[in-house]
Amino acid sequence: MDIEFKQIYPPLRDCVNRLIERKIQAGRDRTAANYRSAWNKFVAYKGRKVRELTIADLTAGLVQEFVMWLLQDKKSRNDELSPGSQDFYLRNLKAIYNNIKKDLHYHDPAGNPFAGLHITVPSTRKRALPERDIKRLARLDLSDRPEQLEALHLSLFLFYARGMCFVDAYKLEQDNVHYGYIQYNRSKTQTVLQVKITSEMHHIMQLYKRKDSRWVFPFLHEKLVGKGVLTAQSSLHRVNEYLKEIGDRLNLPYPLTTYVMRHSWASLMLESGSEIGVISQSLGHMSLQTTQIYLGQLSKSKMDKASEDMLDHLVRGSRKKQLQEPSEPVPAPPAPVSTPPVVVRQPQPSSGSRWKNVLTSLATRLLMFATS
């Protein structure tokens, strides 16, 4: 009698919890938060049945059903999930699967259940502030609103610090400051970055420096009410809420966030003529392609100026030149011909005449010698 042995795998939710904890211990808080958010969405779909699932139950059919549920899911009665949110949950659930598959050395005989699944996200208008709005933010007086002032100072710091990510500013400690520079590891890529402390950055840092805190920005870690420590995600949410209020006050075209300040720095660098390689390295990107995707299309004003410059140089310039010239140009007078000087040449004697002259001269000399 043949006995069929079936591989037993641990519960999927236990694997997910261990994976998230491992990411937190590795300092990948943002990744851990993304995984937690995606898993919670999957749990909302499966309900209590999720307790029974193992990685072997995560089949292509189940994943496709989850995608269909996402497409119909609504955050509120009249507000469906955006394609970007749908893609976020699917991508992170796929990342969870790939990590656990590697941990368990699992091989799915039916292939990857996420193969061929993709949610198209329409391109959105890049959120970057023009120079004039950055100046308005820098001049804004919020002394009567301390919470908004803290958020404003932080957003300007991120801009001056070469578009630093919020989570990296959240983790900045006094030990990261060395001889006029801030040295830190970018959380997302672990790339070591060094940023020169500008006068604006120094002023903001001094405003919040405290002897009883190791953090560069202690307020990012403190709750407004009660005791306790704020997570990076909660702190970011609070800062962005205050920034949104500031943006509304200035009538900005879209909600002001820390991401907007990062993107504004990159876009203004591009506007000023900086090479994309410089921008890429400053942002801590691993490749130029990432920066190109990040920046997207050039701004409308830059494209307009490039087109105007081309027209002036190649089209309008030649047409202006043609308009300045007569429609039927008058032939130019012929160039004066320089007349060579007249050379009077003496007629050259023939060879016979030359011999006759020689003999005559010789005879004359002999006659003079005889009579002497």
Protein backbone atom coordinates (compact mmCIF):
# COMPACT_ATOMS: atom_id res chain seq x y z
CA MET A 1 0.00 0.00 0.00
CA ASP A 2 1.39 3.37 -1.05
CA ILE A 3 1.35 6.03 1.63
CA GLU A 4 1.15 9.63 0.42
CA PHE A 5 2.98 12.09 2.61
CA LYS A 6 1.67 15.65 2.60
CA GLN A 7 3.96 18.50 3.54
CA ILE A 8 2.67 20.42 6.54
CA TYR A 9 3.37 24.15 6.58
CA PRO A 10 2.93 26.58 9.48
CA PRO A 11 -0.07 28.93 9.48
CA LEU A 12 0.34 31.75 7.00
CA ARG A 13 -0.47 34.45 9.54
CA ASP A 14 2.37 33.23 11.82
CA CYS A 15 4.78 33.41 8.90
CA VAL A 16 3.63 36.94 8.10
CA ASN A 17 4.03 38.10 11.71
CA ARG A 18 7.57 36.71 11.86
CA LEU A 19 8.44 38.37 8.56
CA ILE A 20 7.16 41.75 9.73
CA GLU A 21 9.04 41.46 13.02
CA ARG A 22 12.22 40.63 11.13
CA LYS A 23 11.83 43.73 8.97
CA ILE A 24 11.37 45.90 12.06
CA GLN A 25 14.51 44.49 13.67
CA ALA A 26 16.41 45.22 10.46
CA GLY A 27 15.32 48.86 10.60
CA ARG A 28 12.90 48.48 7.70
CA ASP A 29 9.97 50.06 9.50
CA ARG A 30 8.35 51.41 6.35
CA THR A 31 8.48 48.02 4.65
CA ALA A 32 7.07 46.38 7.77
CA ALA A 33 4.22 48.90 7.84
CA ASN A 34 3.46 48.25 4.17
CA TYR A 35 3.39 44.49 4.75
CA ARG A 36 1.12 44.92 7.76
CA SER A 37 -1.27 47.13 5.81
CA ALA A 38 -1.47 44.66 2.91
CA TRP A 39 -1.94 41.68 5.23
CA ASN A 40 -4.70 43.46 7.13
CA LYS A 41 -6.48 44.09 3.84
CA PHE A 42 -6.17 40.40 2.95
CA VAL A 43 -7.51 39.46 6.41
CA ALA A 44 -10.46 41.79 5.82
CA TYR A 45 -11.19 39.84 2.66
CA LYS A 46 -10.88 36.31 4.13
CA GLY A 47 -12.19 36.99 7.62
CA ARG A 48 -11.76 34.21 10.19
CA LYS A 49 -10.89 31.69 7.51
CA VAL A 50 -7.45 33.28 7.28
CA ARG A 51 -6.45 31.32 10.42
CA GLU A 52 -6.63 28.07 8.47
CA LEU A 53 -4.50 29.17 5.54
CA THR A 54 -0.94 28.08 4.81
CA ILE A 55 1.28 29.20 1.98
CA ALA A 56 0.08 26.22 -0.06
CA ASP A 57 -3.45 27.66 0.06
CA LEU A 58 -2.37 30.90 -1.55
CA THR A 59 -3.24 29.73 -5.06
CA ALA A 60 -3.72 31.64 -8.28
CA GLY A 61 -7.48 31.28 -7.90
CA LEU A 62 -7.47 32.77 -4.40
CA VAL A 63 -5.25 35.66 -5.46
CA GLN A 64 -7.49 36.43 -8.43
CA GLU A 65 -10.54 36.45 -6.15
CA PHE A 66 -8.70 38.87 -3.85
CA VAL A 67 -7.96 41.15 -6.79
CA MET A 68 -11.62 41.16 -7.83
CA TRP A 69 -12.55 42.00 -4.24
CA LEU A 70 -10.08 44.89 -4.26
CA LEU A 71 -11.59 46.25 -7.46
CA GLN A 72 -14.99 46.32 -5.77
CA ASP A 73 -13.82 47.36 -2.30
CA LYS A 74 -14.86 50.77 -1.03
CA LYS A 75 -13.29 52.92 1.64
CA SER A 76 -16.67 54.54 2.21
CA ARG A 77 -20.14 54.27 0.77
CA ASN A 78 -19.35 56.33 -2.33
CA ASP A 79 -15.57 56.14 -2.50
CA GLU A 80 -13.90 53.17 -4.21
CA LEU A 81 -10.26 52.27 -3.69
CA SER A 82 -8.03 54.07 -6.15
CA PRO A 83 -5.99 52.02 -8.64
CA GLY A 84 -2.89 53.11 -6.75
CA SER A 85 -4.22 51.65 -3.49
CA GLN A 86 -5.29 48.44 -5.22
CA ASP A 87 -1.82 48.07 -6.74
CA PHE A 88 -0.22 48.80 -3.36
CA TYR A 89 -2.04 45.92 -1.64
CA LEU A 90 -1.38 43.48 -4.46
CA ARG A 91 2.34 44.33 -4.74
CA ASN A 92 2.95 44.00 -1.02
CA LEU A 93 1.00 40.75 -0.71
CA LYS A 94 3.15 39.41 -3.53
CA ALA A 95 6.30 40.52 -1.67
CA ILE A 96 5.04 38.76 1.46
CA TYR A 97 4.49 35.57 -0.52
CA ASN A 98 7.96 35.69 -2.09
CA ASN A 99 9.65 36.22 1.29
CA ILE A 100 7.79 33.38 3.00
CA LYS A 101 8.31 31.11 0.01
CA LYS A 102 12.05 31.67 0.37
CA ASP A 103 11.96 31.14 4.14
CA LEU A 104 10.10 27.82 3.84
CA HIS A 105 11.92 26.65 0.70
CA TYR A 106 8.46 26.25 -0.76
CA HIS A 107 7.96 25.21 -4.38
CA ASP A 108 4.50 25.71 -5.84
CA PRO A 109 3.90 23.02 -8.48
CA ALA A 110 1.32 25.27 -10.15
CA GLY A 111 3.73 28.18 -10.43
CA ASN A 112 3.68 31.64 -8.91
CA PRO A 113 0.06 32.55 -8.09
CA PHE A 114 0.78 36.22 -8.81
CA ALA A 115 2.11 35.60 -12.32
CA GLY A 116 0.44 37.80 -14.92
CA LEU A 117 -1.53 39.83 -12.38
CA HIS A 118 -1.14 43.58 -12.64
CA ILE A 119 -3.30 46.56 -11.77
CA THR A 120 -2.79 49.47 -14.14
CA VAL A 121 -2.20 52.72 -12.31
CA PRO A 122 -2.82 55.83 -14.43
CA SER A 123 -0.03 58.35 -14.37
CA THR A 124 -0.75 61.26 -12.09
CA ARG A 125 0.40 64.83 -12.27
CA LYS A 126 3.64 65.20 -10.39
CA ARG A 127 3.27 67.13 -7.15
CA ALA A 128 6.05 69.68 -7.03
CA LEU A 129 5.90 73.29 -5.90
CA PRO A 130 7.33 76.09 -8.04
CA GLU A 131 10.01 78.39 -6.70
CA ARG A 132 7.54 81.12 -5.69
CA ASP A 133 5.59 78.77 -3.40
CA ILE A 134 8.76 77.53 -1.69
CA LYS A 135 9.61 81.17 -0.95
CA ARG A 136 6.09 81.75 0.40
CA LEU A 137 6.51 78.82 2.77
CA ALA A 138 9.89 80.09 3.94
CA ARG A 139 8.41 83.54 4.72
CA LEU A 140 5.23 82.27 6.37
CA ASP A 141 4.70 83.40 9.98
CA LEU A 142 3.09 80.70 12.12
CA SER A 143 4.32 81.85 15.51
CA ASP A 144 0.73 81.73 16.82
CA ARG A 145 0.33 78.07 15.79
CA PRO A 146 3.20 76.04 17.30
CA GLU A 147 2.11 72.63 15.96
CA GLN A 148 1.85 73.92 12.40
CA LEU A 149 5.15 75.77 12.84
CA GLU A 150 6.91 72.52 13.76
CA ALA A 151 5.52 70.83 10.65
CA LEU A 152 6.52 73.80 8.50
CA HIS A 153 10.07 73.83 9.86
CA LEU A 154 10.41 70.10 9.26
CA SER A 155 9.13 70.36 5.67
CA LEU A 156 11.59 73.17 4.90
CA PHE A 157 14.40 71.14 6.49
CA LEU A 158 13.56 68.21 4.19
CA PHE A 159 13.73 70.55 1.21
CA TYR A 160 17.07 72.12 2.21
CA ALA A 161 18.48 68.66 3.02
CA ARG A 162 18.34 67.65 -0.65
CA GLY A 163 14.83 66.23 -0.49
CA MET A 164 15.42 64.00 2.53
CA CYS A 165 12.71 61.39 3.20
CA PHE A 166 10.55 61.88 6.27
CA VAL A 167 11.46 58.53 7.82
CA ASP A 168 15.16 59.44 7.64
CA ALA A 169 14.52 62.79 9.34
CA TYR A 170 12.46 60.93 11.95
CA LYS A 171 15.48 58.73 12.73
CA LEU A 172 18.09 61.51 12.75
CA GLU A 173 20.11 61.64 15.96
CA GLN A 174 22.65 64.16 17.18
CA ASP A 175 25.32 61.51 16.53
CA ASN A 176 24.54 61.81 12.80
CA VAL A 177 25.92 65.36 12.80
CA HIS A 178 29.65 65.58 12.02
CA TYR A 179 31.70 68.68 11.16
CA GLY A 180 28.99 70.54 9.30
CA TYR A 181 27.52 67.44 7.64
CA ILE A 182 24.70 65.02 8.36
CA GLN A 183 25.64 61.42 7.63
CA TYR A 184 22.89 58.81 7.65
CA ASN A 185 21.76 55.56 6.07
CA ARG A 186 18.73 55.94 3.85
CA SER A 187 16.10 53.62 5.32
CA LYS A 188 14.77 52.34 2.01
CA THR A 189 18.05 51.37 0.34
CA GLN A 190 20.59 51.52 3.21
CA THR A 191 22.63 53.88 1.05
CA VAL A 192 25.03 56.06 3.06
CA LEU A 193 24.35 59.73 2.35
CA GLN A 194 26.18 62.87 3.44
CA VAL A 195 24.37 66.20 3.37
CA LYS A 196 26.05 69.52 4.00
CA ILE A 197 24.24 71.51 6.68
CA THR A 198 23.09 74.77 5.10
CA SER A 199 22.51 77.92 7.14
CA GLU A 200 18.76 77.30 6.92
CA MET A 201 19.12 73.73 8.17
CA HIS A 202 21.39 74.82 11.01
CA HIS A 203 18.88 77.44 12.15
CA ILE A 204 16.02 74.92 12.19
CA MET A 205 18.09 72.27 13.99
CA GLN A 206 19.10 74.74 16.71
CA LEU A 207 15.45 75.61 17.35
CA TYR A 208 14.67 72.02 18.37
CA LYS A 209 17.95 70.86 19.89
CA ARG A 210 17.49 69.62 23.46
CA LYS A 211 20.03 68.29 25.91
CA ASP A 212 17.58 65.69 27.20
CA SER A 213 16.96 64.14 23.77
CA ARG A 214 19.20 62.34 21.32
CA TRP A 215 16.89 63.18 18.42
CA VAL A 216 17.42 66.07 16.02
CA PHE A 217 13.63 66.56 15.98
CA PRO A 218 12.30 65.39 19.38
CA PHE A 219 8.73 66.52 18.63
CA LEU A 220 8.42 63.81 15.97
CA HIS A 221 8.64 61.16 18.70
CA GLU A 222 6.34 62.72 21.28
CA LYS A 223 2.59 62.50 21.61
CA LEU A 224 0.70 65.75 22.01
CA VAL A 225 -1.46 64.28 24.77
CA GLY A 226 -0.24 61.79 27.35
CA LYS A 227 2.99 59.86 27.44
CA GLY A 228 4.38 57.44 24.93
CA VAL A 229 6.37 57.32 21.72
CA LEU A 230 5.02 57.97 18.25
CA THR A 231 5.82 55.52 15.48
CA ALA A 232 7.19 56.90 12.24
CA GLN A 233 3.88 56.25 10.49
CA SER A 234 1.82 58.03 13.15
CA SER A 235 4.26 60.93 13.24
CA LEU A 236 4.17 61.26 9.45
CA HIS A 237 0.37 61.28 9.49
CA ARG A 238 0.32 64.07 12.08
CA VAL A 239 2.87 66.19 10.22
CA ASN A 240 1.03 65.81 6.92
CA GLU A 241 -2.25 66.83 8.56
CA TYR A 242 -0.66 70.10 9.70
CA LEU A 243 1.00 70.60 6.31
CA LYS A 244 -2.35 70.17 4.61
CA GLU A 245 -3.75 72.97 6.76
CA ILE A 246 -0.80 75.16 5.78
CA GLY A 247 -1.33 74.36 2.11
CA ASP A 248 -5.00 75.28 2.37
CA ARG A 249 -4.04 78.56 3.99
CA LEU A 250 -1.74 79.40 1.05
CA ASN A 251 -4.23 78.08 -1.54
CA LEU A 252 -1.71 75.61 -2.95
CA PRO A 253 -2.99 73.59 -5.95
CA TYR A 254 -2.81 70.25 -4.09
CA PRO A 255 -2.34 68.96 -0.52
CA LEU A 256 1.05 69.83 0.93
CA THR A 257 2.97 66.80 2.24
CA THR A 258 6.54 65.87 3.07
CA TYR A 259 6.68 64.02 -0.25
CA VAL A 260 5.78 67.24 -2.08
CA MET A 261 8.82 68.95 -0.53
CA ARG A 262 11.11 66.09 -1.59
CA HIS A 263 9.77 66.15 -5.11
CA SER A 264 9.92 69.96 -5.23
CA TRP A 265 13.64 69.89 -4.48
CA ALA A 266 14.27 67.35 -7.26
CA SER A 267 12.14 69.25 -9.78
CA LEU A 268 13.75 72.61 -9.04
CA MET A 269 17.18 71.02 -9.36
CA LEU A 270 16.15 69.78 -12.79
CA GLU A 271 14.75 73.21 -13.68
CA SER A 272 18.04 74.84 -12.73
CA GLY A 273 19.93 72.65 -15.20
CA SER A 274 21.46 70.10 -12.82
CA GLU A 275 22.38 66.75 -14.34
CA ILE A 276 20.03 63.90 -13.55
CA GLY A 277 22.98 61.89 -12.20
CA VAL A 278 23.58 64.52 -9.50
CA ILE A 279 19.89 64.51 -8.58
CA SER A 280 19.82 60.71 -8.48
CA GLN A 281 22.79 60.43 -6.15
CA SER A 282 21.47 63.17 -3.88
CA LEU A 283 18.10 61.44 -3.55
CA GLY A 284 19.81 58.15 -2.72
CA HIS A 285 18.38 56.32 -5.71
CA MET A 286 20.06 53.10 -6.78
CA SER A 287 19.77 53.81 -10.52
CA LEU A 288 19.18 56.65 -12.95
CA GLN A 289 16.07 54.85 -14.18
CA THR A 290 14.51 55.22 -10.74
CA THR A 291 15.16 58.96 -10.83
CA GLN A 292 13.73 59.28 -14.33
CA ILE A 293 10.56 57.52 -13.24
CA TYR A 294 10.48 59.62 -10.08
CA LEU A 295 10.75 62.91 -11.91
CA GLY A 296 8.52 61.83 -14.78
CA GLN A 297 8.05 64.37 -17.52
CA LEU A 298 9.77 67.71 -17.50
CA SER A 299 7.70 70.57 -16.21
CA LYS A 300 5.46 72.45 -18.62
CA SER A 301 7.49 75.65 -18.26
CA LYS A 302 10.74 73.83 -19.07
CA MET A 303 9.24 72.24 -22.19
CA ASP A 304 7.75 75.59 -23.25
CA LYS A 305 11.11 77.32 -22.89
CA ALA A 306 12.94 74.55 -24.77
CA SER A 307 10.47 74.86 -27.65
CA GLU A 308 10.75 78.66 -27.72
CA ASP A 309 14.55 78.46 -27.74
CA MET A 310 14.48 76.05 -30.67
CA LEU A 311 12.07 78.24 -32.66
CA ASP A 312 14.13 81.37 -32.02
CA HIS A 313 17.37 79.66 -32.93
CA LEU A 314 16.34 77.59 -35.94
CA VAL A 315 13.08 78.96 -37.33
CA ARG A 316 12.35 82.47 -36.22
CA GLY A 317 15.98 83.50 -36.41
CA SER A 318 16.33 82.51 -40.08
CA ARG A 319 12.94 84.03 -40.92
CA LYS A 320 13.87 87.31 -39.26
CA LYS A 321 17.04 87.32 -41.28
CA GLN A 322 15.07 86.72 -44.47
CA LEU A 323 12.66 89.54 -43.63
CA GLN A 324 15.54 91.93 -43.15
CA GLU A 325 16.91 91.07 -46.61
CA PRO A 326 15.30 92.50 -49.85
CA SER A 327 12.76 90.20 -51.50
CA GLU A 328 14.75 90.46 -54.78
CA PRO A 329 18.31 91.10 -53.80
CA VAL A 330 20.17 93.54 -56.04
CA PRO A 331 23.21 91.92 -57.62
CA ALA A 332 26.34 93.12 -55.97
CA PRO A 333 28.71 95.15 -58.16
CA PRO A 334 31.62 93.18 -59.53
CA ALA A 335 34.72 93.30 -57.49
CA PRO A 336 37.26 95.81 -58.83
CA VAL A 337 39.94 94.24 -60.99
CA SER A 338 43.42 95.32 -60.01
CA THR A 339 45.32 96.29 -63.22
CA PRO A 340 48.84 94.95 -63.18
CA PRO A 341 51.58 97.58 -63.73
CA VAL A 342 52.74 98.08 -67.31
CA VAL A 343 56.17 96.60 -67.85
CA VAL A 344 58.12 97.95 -70.84
CA ARG A 345 60.37 95.26 -72.11
CA GLN A 346 63.29 95.95 -74.41
CA PRO A 347 63.27 93.85 -77.57
CA GLN A 348 65.63 90.94 -77.20
CA PRO A 349 68.30 90.66 -79.94
CA SER A 350 68.45 87.52 -82.02
CA SER A 351 71.38 85.11 -81.75
CA GLY A 352 72.96 86.36 -85.03
CA SER A 353 72.84 89.95 -83.92
CA ARG A 354 74.47 89.00 -80.64
CA TRP A 355 77.49 87.38 -82.46
CA LYS A 356 77.78 90.40 -84.75
CA ASN A 357 77.96 92.73 -81.78
CA VAL A 358 80.60 90.57 -80.10
CA LEU A 359 82.85 90.55 -83.21
CA THR A 360 82.45 94.29 -83.69
CA SER A 361 83.46 94.94 -80.11
CA LEU A 362 86.48 92.63 -80.43
CA ALA A 363 87.66 94.28 -83.68
CA THR A 364 87.40 97.71 -82.11
CA ARG A 365 89.57 96.66 -79.19
CA LEU A 366 92.25 95.12 -81.50
CA LEU A 367 92.40 98.28 -83.57
CA MET A 368 92.86 100.39 -80.47
CA PHE A 369 95.68 98.04 -79.32
CA ALA A 370 97.52 98.25 -82.71
CA THR A 371 97.52 102.01 -82.84
CA SER A 372 98.69 102.47 -79.32
